Amino acid sequence: MVDFDSKWKKMIAKGIPVPTPSEKKYENVTGLFEGGGYSAKGIFRPEMDCRMKSNSPKGYCSVCSKAIKEMIEFYIK
């Protein structure tokens, strides 16, 4: 993962494996799941079913929400 320290590494709880396997027990946690941006390998997403993977989840994960908030704050200042 390129420059992972500046992305969402701090949002991953202790005990969550990095990279995080796509297993049911990690379904609603922030981790480092492989597969995103329409690629199966090499791109990572923060949650097992995140908008970085598909458009099926309702709402945004905590990482996406944080990124959207930061971008809005950047443009309104």
Protein backbone atom coordinates (compact mmCIF):
# COMPACT_ATOMS: atom_id res chain seq x y z
CA MET A 1 0.00 0.00 0.00
CA VAL A 2 1.50 3.28 -1.10
CA ASP A 3 1.66 5.96 1.64
CA PHE A 4 -0.72 3.99 3.87
CA ASP A 5 0.31 5.89 7.02
CA SER A 6 -1.30 9.07 5.66
CA LYS A 7 -4.51 7.32 4.61
CA TRP A 8 -6.59 5.29 7.09
CA LYS A 9 -4.00 3.22 8.99
CA LYS A 10 -4.80 5.10 12.23
CA MET A 11 -8.47 4.13 11.89
CA ILE A 12 -7.76 0.37 12.02
CA ALA A 13 -8.27 -1.08 15.49
CA LYS A 14 -5.57 -3.13 17.17
CA GLY A 15 -5.90 -6.81 16.43
CA ILE A 16 -7.26 -6.33 12.89
CA PRO A 17 -4.89 -8.03 10.45
CA VAL A 18 -3.34 -5.91 7.69
CA PRO A 19 -4.11 -6.79 4.95
CA THR A 20 -7.53 -7.83 6.23
CA PRO A 21 -9.07 -11.04 4.87
CA SER A 22 -12.59 -10.83 3.42
CA GLU A 23 -14.18 -12.99 6.10
CA LYS A 24 -17.56 -12.56 7.81
CA LYS A 25 -15.96 -11.67 11.15
CA TYR A 26 -14.46 -8.53 9.55
CA GLU A 27 -17.68 -7.53 7.79
CA ASN A 28 -18.31 -4.29 9.69
CA VAL A 29 -14.80 -3.21 10.65
CA THR A 30 -12.28 -0.83 9.16
CA GLY A 31 -9.32 -2.72 7.75
CA LEU A 32 -7.26 -3.07 4.62
CA PHE A 33 -9.20 -5.24 2.17
CA GLU A 34 -7.72 -6.00 -1.23
CA GLY A 35 -9.80 -5.15 -4.27
CA GLY A 36 -11.11 -1.71 -5.11
CA GLY A 37 -11.46 0.70 -7.97
CA TYR A 38 -12.71 -2.14 -10.22
CA SER A 39 -9.46 -4.08 -9.63
CA ALA A 40 -9.26 -7.41 -7.83
CA LYS A 41 -5.62 -6.98 -6.81
CA GLY A 42 -3.26 -4.16 -5.95
CA ILE A 43 -5.83 -1.59 -4.79
CA PHE A 44 -7.18 -1.63 -1.25
CA ARG A 45 -10.40 -0.47 0.35
CA PRO A 46 -11.19 0.26 4.02
CA GLU A 47 -14.25 -1.94 4.51
CA MET A 48 -15.32 -5.29 3.12
CA ASP A 49 -18.32 -3.77 1.30
CA CYS A 50 -17.32 -0.18 0.64
CA ARG A 51 -18.15 2.23 -2.17
CA MET A 52 -14.54 1.80 -3.23
CA LYS A 53 -15.66 -1.69 -4.27
CA SER A 54 -19.30 -1.37 -5.31
CA ASN A 55 -22.35 0.87 -5.26
CA SER A 56 -24.44 -1.55 -3.22
CA PRO A 57 -23.68 -0.32 0.33
CA LYS A 58 -26.03 2.23 1.85
CA GLY A 59 -24.15 5.35 2.85
CA TYR A 60 -20.39 5.66 3.14
CA CYS A 61 -17.90 3.88 5.35
CA SER A 62 -16.08 5.85 8.06
CA VAL A 63 -13.00 6.35 5.88
CA CYS A 64 -14.97 7.61 2.87
CA SER A 65 -17.04 9.88 5.13
CA LYS A 66 -13.87 11.38 6.61
CA ALA A 67 -12.37 11.95 3.15
CA ILE A 68 -15.56 13.63 1.87
CA LYS A 69 -15.74 15.87 4.96
CA GLU A 70 -12.08 16.90 4.58
CA MET A 71 -12.57 17.73 0.89
CA ILE A 72 -15.67 19.84 1.58
CA GLU A 73 -13.85 21.69 4.37
CA PHE A 74 -10.92 22.32 2.01
CA TYR A 75 -13.18 23.96 -0.58
CA ILE A 76 -15.24 26.07 1.82
CA LYS A 77 -12.24 27.64 3.56
